[in-house]
């Protein structure tokens, strides 16, 4: 009977490979840029032009005042409808972004959009089709 060689068995490595600091920094940077892009795109999507007259915070506030006055004197069915309209208007008013919030989000977007676009291979036309304005893309350095 031949003798067996006593070679030590190799164990599968159980340690996970470590990420370098530059890799971790790149991941963190990608998350930050993604958050900035998402915030701006949500604003763009929420403010896309729709049919009809555009509502302003002032016009919503005026309508809420009219509803408050009408609630005192209307029949129960109309009262329920007015209450629902009031709830809808309050929700719409709360979701409106102030001009300074939009400007801040736009400024942040301009800073990161070019690197985000390059890394994710997003073209000028894709941004435009979504609704990002040409002026903002030009500020960001994204061209056709």
N, C-alpha and C. Protein backbone atom coordinates (compact mmCIF):
# COMPACT_ATOMS: atom_id res chain seq x y z
N UNK A 1 0.83 -1.17 0.00
CA UNK A 1 0.00 0.00 0.00
C UNK A 1 0.89 1.25 0.00
N UNK A 2 0.62 2.17 -0.97
CA UNK A 2 1.47 3.35 -1.02
C UNK A 2 1.19 4.28 0.15
N UNK A 3 2.19 4.98 0.54
CA UNK A 3 2.02 5.90 1.66
C UNK A 3 1.45 7.23 1.16
N UNK A 4 0.61 7.80 1.99
CA UNK A 4 -0.01 9.09 1.66
C UNK A 4 0.94 10.22 2.02
N UNK A 5 0.92 11.22 1.18
CA UNK A 5 1.70 12.40 1.50
C UNK A 5 0.95 13.20 2.54
N UNK A 6 1.67 13.66 3.46
CA UNK A 6 1.06 14.48 4.52
C UNK A 6 1.18 15.96 4.16
N UNK A 7 0.35 16.37 3.22
CA UNK A 7 0.34 17.79 2.87
C UNK A 7 -0.80 18.45 3.61
N UNK A 8 -0.53 19.59 4.17
CA UNK A 8 -1.61 20.26 4.91
C UNK A 8 -2.72 20.70 3.96
N UNK A 9 -3.94 20.54 4.41
CA UNK A 9 -5.09 20.96 3.61
C UNK A 9 -5.21 22.48 3.65
N UNK A 10 -5.56 23.02 2.50
CA UNK A 10 -5.74 24.47 2.44
C UNK A 10 -7.16 24.80 2.88
N UNK A 11 -7.25 25.75 3.75
CA UNK A 11 -8.56 26.21 4.22
C UNK A 11 -9.03 27.35 3.33
N UNK A 12 -10.33 27.36 3.11
CA UNK A 12 -10.90 28.48 2.37
C UNK A 12 -10.80 29.72 3.24
N UNK A 13 -10.40 30.80 2.65
CA UNK A 13 -10.24 32.01 3.46
C UNK A 13 -11.62 32.49 3.90
N UNK A 14 -11.73 32.77 5.16
CA UNK A 14 -13.00 33.22 5.73
C UNK A 14 -13.04 34.72 5.89
N UNK A 15 -11.90 35.35 5.72
CA UNK A 15 -11.89 36.80 5.87
C UNK A 15 -12.36 37.44 4.56
N UNK A 16 -13.11 38.50 4.71
CA UNK A 16 -13.59 39.20 3.53
C UNK A 16 -12.53 40.21 3.10
N UNK A 17 -12.43 40.44 1.83
CA UNK A 17 -11.43 41.42 1.39
C UNK A 17 -11.79 42.81 1.90
N UNK A 18 -10.79 43.53 2.28
CA UNK A 18 -11.00 44.88 2.83
C UNK A 18 -11.06 45.89 1.69
N UNK A 19 -11.93 46.88 1.87
CA UNK A 19 -12.00 47.95 0.88
C UNK A 19 -10.99 49.02 1.25
N UNK A 20 -10.40 49.58 0.24
CA UNK A 20 -9.45 50.65 0.48
C UNK A 20 -10.20 51.93 0.85
N UNK A 21 -9.49 52.84 1.45
CA UNK A 21 -10.10 54.11 1.84
C UNK A 21 -10.60 54.86 0.61
N UNK A 22 -9.87 54.81 -0.48
CA UNK A 22 -10.31 55.52 -1.69
C UNK A 22 -11.60 54.91 -2.24
N UNK A 23 -11.72 53.58 -2.14
CA UNK A 23 -12.95 52.92 -2.60
C UNK A 23 -14.13 53.34 -1.72
N UNK A 24 -13.91 53.36 -0.41
CA UNK A 24 -14.98 53.78 0.51
C UNK A 24 -15.37 55.24 0.25
N UNK A 25 -14.37 56.08 0.02
CA UNK A 25 -14.66 57.49 -0.27
C UNK A 25 -15.45 57.64 -1.57
N UNK A 26 -15.10 56.84 -2.57
CA UNK A 26 -15.81 56.89 -3.85
C UNK A 26 -17.27 56.45 -3.68
N UNK A 27 -17.49 55.42 -2.87
CA UNK A 27 -18.87 54.97 -2.62
C UNK A 27 -19.66 56.05 -1.89
N UNK A 28 -19.04 56.66 -0.88
CA UNK A 28 -19.71 57.71 -0.13
C UNK A 28 -20.03 58.90 -1.04
N UNK A 29 -19.09 59.25 -1.90
CA UNK A 29 -19.30 60.35 -2.84
C UNK A 29 -20.46 60.03 -3.79
N UNK A 30 -20.53 58.80 -4.26
CA UNK A 30 -21.62 58.38 -5.14
C UNK A 30 -22.97 58.47 -4.46
N UNK A 31 -23.01 58.11 -3.17
CA UNK A 31 -24.27 58.20 -2.43
C UNK A 31 -24.71 59.65 -2.26
N UNK A 32 -23.75 60.51 -1.95
CA UNK A 32 -24.07 61.94 -1.78
C UNK A 32 -24.56 62.53 -3.09
N UNK A 33 -23.84 62.25 -4.18
CA UNK A 33 -24.26 62.77 -5.48
C UNK A 33 -25.63 62.24 -5.88
N UNK A 34 -25.87 60.97 -5.63
CA UNK A 34 -27.16 60.37 -5.95
C UNK A 34 -28.29 61.03 -5.19
N UNK A 35 -28.04 61.36 -3.93
CA UNK A 35 -29.05 62.02 -3.11
C UNK A 35 -29.36 63.42 -3.66
N UNK A 36 -28.32 64.15 -4.04
CA UNK A 36 -28.50 65.50 -4.59
C UNK A 36 -29.28 65.43 -5.90
N UNK A 37 -28.91 64.50 -6.77
CA UNK A 37 -29.60 64.35 -8.06
C UNK A 37 -31.06 63.99 -7.83
N UNK A 38 -31.32 63.04 -6.94
CA UNK A 38 -32.70 62.61 -6.67
C UNK A 38 -33.54 63.77 -6.15
N UNK A 39 -32.99 64.56 -5.22
CA UNK A 39 -33.73 65.69 -4.66
C UNK A 39 -34.11 66.69 -5.74
N UNK A 40 -33.16 67.02 -6.61
CA UNK A 40 -33.44 67.99 -7.67
C UNK A 40 -34.46 67.43 -8.66
N UNK A 41 -34.31 66.17 -9.04
CA UNK A 41 -35.24 65.58 -10.01
C UNK A 41 -36.65 65.48 -9.45
N UNK A 42 -36.78 65.25 -8.15
CA UNK A 42 -38.11 65.24 -7.53
C UNK A 42 -38.76 66.62 -7.63
N UNK A 43 -37.95 67.67 -7.44
CA UNK A 43 -38.48 69.03 -7.56
C UNK A 43 -38.89 69.30 -9.00
N UNK A 44 -38.05 68.91 -9.95
CA UNK A 44 -38.37 69.11 -11.37
C UNK A 44 -39.66 68.39 -11.72
N UNK A 45 -39.79 67.16 -11.24
CA UNK A 45 -40.99 66.37 -11.54
C UNK A 45 -42.23 66.99 -10.91
N UNK A 46 -42.09 67.49 -9.69
CA UNK A 46 -43.24 68.07 -9.00
C UNK A 46 -43.68 69.39 -9.62
N UNK A 47 -42.76 70.08 -10.28
CA UNK A 47 -43.11 71.38 -10.85
C UNK A 47 -43.27 71.36 -12.36
N UNK A 48 -43.38 70.16 -12.93
CA UNK A 48 -43.61 70.08 -14.37
C UNK A 48 -44.91 70.77 -14.72
N UNK A 49 -44.94 71.47 -15.83
CA UNK A 49 -46.17 72.15 -16.22
C UNK A 49 -47.31 71.16 -16.45
N UNK A 50 -48.45 71.52 -15.94
CA UNK A 50 -49.65 70.71 -16.12
C UNK A 50 -50.70 71.57 -16.81
N UNK A 51 -51.75 70.93 -17.24
CA UNK A 51 -52.83 71.67 -17.89
C UNK A 51 -53.48 72.61 -16.90
N UNK A 52 -54.00 73.69 -17.42
CA UNK A 52 -54.73 74.64 -16.59
C UNK A 52 -53.82 75.69 -15.97
N UNK A 53 -54.44 76.56 -15.19
CA UNK A 53 -53.67 77.61 -14.54
C UNK A 53 -52.84 77.03 -13.42
N UNK A 54 -51.68 77.60 -13.25
CA UNK A 54 -50.78 77.13 -12.21
C UNK A 54 -51.20 77.74 -10.88
N UNK A 55 -51.23 76.92 -9.85
CA UNK A 55 -51.59 77.41 -8.53
C UNK A 55 -50.37 77.95 -7.82
N UNK A 56 -50.58 79.05 -7.13
CA UNK A 56 -49.52 79.61 -6.31
C UNK A 56 -49.91 79.42 -4.85
N UNK A 57 -48.96 79.61 -3.97
CA UNK A 57 -49.25 79.50 -2.54
C UNK A 57 -50.28 80.54 -2.14
N UNK A 58 -50.20 81.70 -2.76
CA UNK A 58 -51.14 82.78 -2.46
C UNK A 58 -52.57 82.40 -2.88
N UNK A 59 -52.72 81.82 -4.07
CA UNK A 59 -54.06 81.45 -4.53
C UNK A 59 -54.64 80.32 -3.68
N UNK A 60 -53.79 79.42 -3.23
CA UNK A 60 -54.27 78.34 -2.36
C UNK A 60 -54.73 78.91 -1.03
N UNK A 61 -53.97 79.85 -0.48
CA UNK A 61 -54.34 80.47 0.79
C UNK A 61 -55.67 81.21 0.66
N UNK A 62 -55.86 81.90 -0.45
CA UNK A 62 -57.13 82.61 -0.69
C UNK A 62 -58.29 81.62 -0.75
N UNK A 63 -58.09 80.52 -1.44
CA UNK A 63 -59.16 79.52 -1.56
C UNK A 63 -59.47 78.90 -0.20
N UNK A 64 -58.45 78.69 0.62
CA UNK A 64 -58.68 78.15 1.97
C UNK A 64 -59.53 79.12 2.80
N UNK A 65 -59.31 80.41 2.64
CA UNK A 65 -60.11 81.41 3.36
C UNK A 65 -61.57 81.37 2.90
N UNK A 66 -61.78 81.22 1.60
CA UNK A 66 -63.14 81.13 1.06
C UNK A 66 -63.83 79.87 1.59
N UNK A 67 -63.11 78.78 1.62
CA UNK A 67 -63.68 77.52 2.13
C UNK A 67 -64.08 77.67 3.59
N UNK A 68 -63.22 78.31 4.39
CA UNK A 68 -63.53 78.51 5.81
C UNK A 68 -64.83 79.28 5.98
N UNK A 69 -65.04 80.29 5.15
CA UNK A 69 -66.28 81.07 5.22
C UNK A 69 -67.48 80.25 4.77
N UNK A 70 -67.32 79.47 3.70
CA UNK A 70 -68.42 78.68 3.17
C UNK A 70 -68.83 77.54 4.11
N UNK A 71 -67.89 77.01 4.86
CA UNK A 71 -68.19 75.88 5.75
C UNK A 71 -69.23 76.25 6.81
N UNK A 72 -69.32 77.50 7.17
CA UNK A 72 -70.24 77.94 8.21
C UNK A 72 -71.70 77.91 7.76
N UNK A 73 -71.92 78.01 6.45
CA UNK A 73 -73.30 78.21 5.99
C UNK A 73 -73.80 77.15 5.00
N UNK A 74 -73.05 76.11 4.72
CA UNK A 74 -73.47 75.17 3.69
C UNK A 74 -74.16 73.95 4.27
N UNK A 75 -74.79 73.20 3.37
CA UNK A 75 -75.47 71.96 3.76
C UNK A 75 -74.41 70.88 4.03
N UNK A 76 -74.79 69.79 4.70
CA UNK A 76 -73.83 68.76 5.10
C UNK A 76 -73.05 68.11 3.95
N UNK A 77 -73.69 67.84 2.82
CA UNK A 77 -72.99 67.20 1.71
C UNK A 77 -71.93 68.13 1.14
N UNK A 78 -72.28 69.37 0.94
CA UNK A 78 -71.31 70.35 0.44
C UNK A 78 -70.20 70.56 1.46
N UNK A 79 -70.56 70.51 2.73
CA UNK A 79 -69.57 70.69 3.79
C UNK A 79 -68.50 69.60 3.72
N UNK A 80 -68.93 68.36 3.49
CA UNK A 80 -67.97 67.26 3.39
C UNK A 80 -67.04 67.47 2.19
N UNK A 81 -67.60 67.90 1.08
CA UNK A 81 -66.78 68.17 -0.11
C UNK A 81 -65.78 69.29 0.15
N UNK A 82 -66.23 70.33 0.83
CA UNK A 82 -65.34 71.45 1.14
C UNK A 82 -64.23 71.03 2.10
N UNK A 83 -64.58 70.18 3.06
CA UNK A 83 -63.56 69.68 3.99
C UNK A 83 -62.50 68.90 3.23
N UNK A 84 -62.94 68.06 2.28
CA UNK A 84 -61.97 67.30 1.49
C UNK A 84 -61.11 68.23 0.64
N UNK A 85 -61.72 69.24 0.05
CA UNK A 85 -60.94 70.19 -0.75
C UNK A 85 -59.93 70.92 0.14
N UNK A 86 -60.36 71.28 1.33
CA UNK A 86 -59.45 71.96 2.27
C UNK A 86 -58.26 71.06 2.61
N UNK A 87 -58.52 69.78 2.86
CA UNK A 87 -57.44 68.83 3.16
C UNK A 87 -56.47 68.72 1.98
N UNK A 88 -57.04 68.63 0.77
CA UNK A 88 -56.20 68.54 -0.43
C UNK A 88 -55.34 69.79 -0.62
N UNK A 89 -55.96 70.95 -0.40
CA UNK A 89 -55.22 72.20 -0.56
C UNK A 89 -54.11 72.35 0.48
N UNK A 90 -54.38 71.94 1.70
CA UNK A 90 -53.34 72.01 2.74
C UNK A 90 -52.17 71.09 2.40
N UNK A 91 -52.48 69.91 1.88
CA UNK A 91 -51.42 68.99 1.47
C UNK A 91 -50.60 69.58 0.33
N UNK A 92 -51.29 70.17 -0.64
CA UNK A 92 -50.60 70.79 -1.77
C UNK A 92 -49.73 71.96 -1.31
N UNK A 93 -50.25 72.76 -0.41
CA UNK A 93 -49.51 73.90 0.11
C UNK A 93 -48.27 73.45 0.88
N UNK A 94 -48.41 72.39 1.66
CA UNK A 94 -47.28 71.87 2.43
C UNK A 94 -46.20 71.28 1.53
N UNK A 95 -46.60 70.74 0.39
CA UNK A 95 -45.62 70.11 -0.50
C UNK A 95 -44.92 71.09 -1.42
N UNK A 96 -45.40 72.33 -1.48
CA UNK A 96 -44.76 73.33 -2.34
C UNK A 96 -43.39 73.70 -1.78
N UNK A 97 -42.44 73.78 -2.67
CA UNK A 97 -41.09 74.17 -2.27
C UNK A 97 -40.95 75.68 -2.44
N UNK A 98 -40.26 76.29 -1.52
CA UNK A 98 -40.01 77.72 -1.66
C UNK A 98 -38.96 77.95 -2.74
N UNK A 99 -38.89 79.16 -3.23
CA UNK A 99 -37.93 79.47 -4.28
C UNK A 99 -36.50 79.25 -3.81
N UNK A 100 -36.24 79.52 -2.53
CA UNK A 100 -34.88 79.33 -2.02
C UNK A 100 -34.51 77.85 -1.97
N UNK A 101 -35.49 76.99 -1.64
CA UNK A 101 -35.22 75.55 -1.63
C UNK A 101 -34.92 75.04 -3.04
N UNK A 102 -35.66 75.53 -4.01
CA UNK A 102 -35.44 75.13 -5.40
C UNK A 102 -34.07 75.61 -5.86
N UNK A 103 -33.73 76.85 -5.53
CA UNK A 103 -32.43 77.41 -5.93
C UNK A 103 -31.28 76.64 -5.28
N UNK A 104 -31.44 76.27 -4.02
CA UNK A 104 -30.40 75.51 -3.33
C UNK A 104 -30.22 74.14 -3.97
N UNK A 105 -31.33 73.47 -4.24
CA UNK A 105 -31.25 72.15 -4.88
C UNK A 105 -30.63 72.26 -6.27
N UNK A 106 -30.97 73.32 -6.99
CA UNK A 106 -30.41 73.51 -8.33
C UNK A 106 -28.91 73.74 -8.27
N UNK A 107 -28.46 74.54 -7.31
CA UNK A 107 -27.03 74.81 -7.15
C UNK A 107 -26.27 73.53 -6.84
N UNK A 108 -26.83 72.73 -5.94
CA UNK A 108 -26.19 71.45 -5.61
C UNK A 108 -26.16 70.53 -6.83
N UNK A 109 -27.25 70.51 -7.58
CA UNK A 109 -27.33 69.68 -8.79
C UNK A 109 -26.26 70.08 -9.79
N UNK A 110 -26.10 71.38 -10.00
CA UNK A 110 -25.12 71.89 -10.96
C UNK A 110 -23.71 71.43 -10.59
N UNK A 111 -23.42 71.38 -9.29
CA UNK A 111 -22.08 70.99 -8.84
C UNK A 111 -21.76 69.52 -9.14
N UNK A 112 -22.77 68.65 -9.07
CA UNK A 112 -22.49 67.21 -9.19
C UNK A 112 -22.99 66.57 -10.48
N UNK A 113 -23.78 67.28 -11.25
CA UNK A 113 -24.43 66.66 -12.41
C UNK A 113 -23.45 66.15 -13.45
N UNK A 114 -22.40 66.89 -13.72
CA UNK A 114 -21.45 66.48 -14.76
C UNK A 114 -20.76 65.17 -14.40
N UNK A 115 -20.26 65.08 -13.16
CA UNK A 115 -19.57 63.84 -12.77
C UNK A 115 -20.56 62.68 -12.68
N UNK A 116 -21.77 62.94 -12.19
CA UNK A 116 -22.80 61.90 -12.12
C UNK A 116 -23.15 61.41 -13.51
N UNK A 117 -23.32 62.35 -14.45
CA UNK A 117 -23.66 61.99 -15.83
C UNK A 117 -22.58 61.15 -16.47
N UNK A 118 -21.35 61.55 -16.26
CA UNK A 118 -20.23 60.82 -16.87
C UNK A 118 -20.13 59.41 -16.29
N UNK A 119 -20.23 59.31 -14.98
CA UNK A 119 -20.10 58.01 -14.32
C UNK A 119 -21.25 57.07 -14.68
N UNK A 120 -22.45 57.62 -14.84
CA UNK A 120 -23.63 56.79 -15.13
C UNK A 120 -24.04 56.81 -16.59
N UNK A 121 -23.24 57.46 -17.42
CA UNK A 121 -23.48 57.53 -18.87
C UNK A 121 -24.86 58.08 -19.20
N UNK A 122 -25.19 59.20 -18.56
CA UNK A 122 -26.47 59.86 -18.81
C UNK A 122 -26.21 61.03 -19.75
N UNK A 123 -26.96 61.08 -20.83
CA UNK A 123 -26.73 62.08 -21.87
C UNK A 123 -27.56 63.35 -21.63
N UNK A 124 -27.18 64.37 -22.35
CA UNK A 124 -27.90 65.64 -22.35
C UNK A 124 -29.38 65.41 -22.69
N UNK A 125 -29.61 64.60 -23.71
CA UNK A 125 -30.98 64.35 -24.17
C UNK A 125 -31.82 63.65 -23.10
N UNK A 126 -31.21 62.77 -22.33
CA UNK A 126 -31.95 62.09 -21.26
C UNK A 126 -32.37 63.08 -20.18
N UNK A 127 -31.46 63.98 -19.81
CA UNK A 127 -31.81 65.00 -18.82
C UNK A 127 -32.93 65.89 -19.36
N UNK A 128 -32.83 66.28 -20.63
CA UNK A 128 -33.84 67.15 -21.23
C UNK A 128 -35.20 66.47 -21.29
N UNK A 129 -35.21 65.20 -21.67
CA UNK A 129 -36.48 64.49 -21.76
C UNK A 129 -37.15 64.39 -20.39
N UNK A 130 -36.34 64.29 -19.34
CA UNK A 130 -36.91 64.24 -17.99
C UNK A 130 -37.52 65.58 -17.61
N UNK A 131 -36.92 66.67 -18.12
CA UNK A 131 -37.47 67.99 -17.81
C UNK A 131 -36.47 68.97 -17.23
N UNK A 132 -35.20 68.60 -17.15
CA UNK A 132 -34.18 69.52 -16.65
C UNK A 132 -33.96 70.58 -17.72
N UNK A 133 -33.93 71.83 -17.32
CA UNK A 133 -33.82 72.92 -18.29
C UNK A 133 -32.44 72.99 -18.93
N UNK A 134 -32.41 73.55 -20.12
CA UNK A 134 -31.15 73.70 -20.85
C UNK A 134 -30.19 74.61 -20.08
N UNK A 135 -30.73 75.65 -19.47
CA UNK A 135 -29.88 76.59 -18.71
C UNK A 135 -29.17 75.88 -17.56
N UNK A 136 -29.89 75.03 -16.86
CA UNK A 136 -29.29 74.31 -15.73
C UNK A 136 -28.22 73.34 -16.24
N UNK A 137 -28.51 72.65 -17.32
CA UNK A 137 -27.53 71.72 -17.88
C UNK A 137 -26.29 72.46 -18.36
N UNK A 138 -26.49 73.63 -18.93
CA UNK A 138 -25.35 74.43 -19.40
C UNK A 138 -24.49 74.86 -18.20
N UNK A 139 -25.15 75.29 -17.11
CA UNK A 139 -24.40 75.66 -15.90
C UNK A 139 -23.60 74.48 -15.36
N UNK A 140 -24.18 73.28 -15.48
CA UNK A 140 -23.53 72.08 -14.97
C UNK A 140 -22.40 71.60 -15.88
N UNK A 141 -22.35 72.15 -17.09
CA UNK A 141 -21.30 71.75 -18.02
C UNK A 141 -21.67 70.52 -18.84
N UNK A 142 -22.96 70.24 -18.93
CA UNK A 142 -23.43 69.10 -19.72
C UNK A 142 -23.92 69.64 -21.05
N UNK A 143 -23.27 69.21 -22.12
CA UNK A 143 -23.63 69.70 -23.45
C UNK A 143 -24.02 68.52 -24.33
N UNK A 144 -24.56 68.87 -25.48
CA UNK A 144 -24.96 67.84 -26.44
C UNK A 144 -23.75 67.15 -26.89
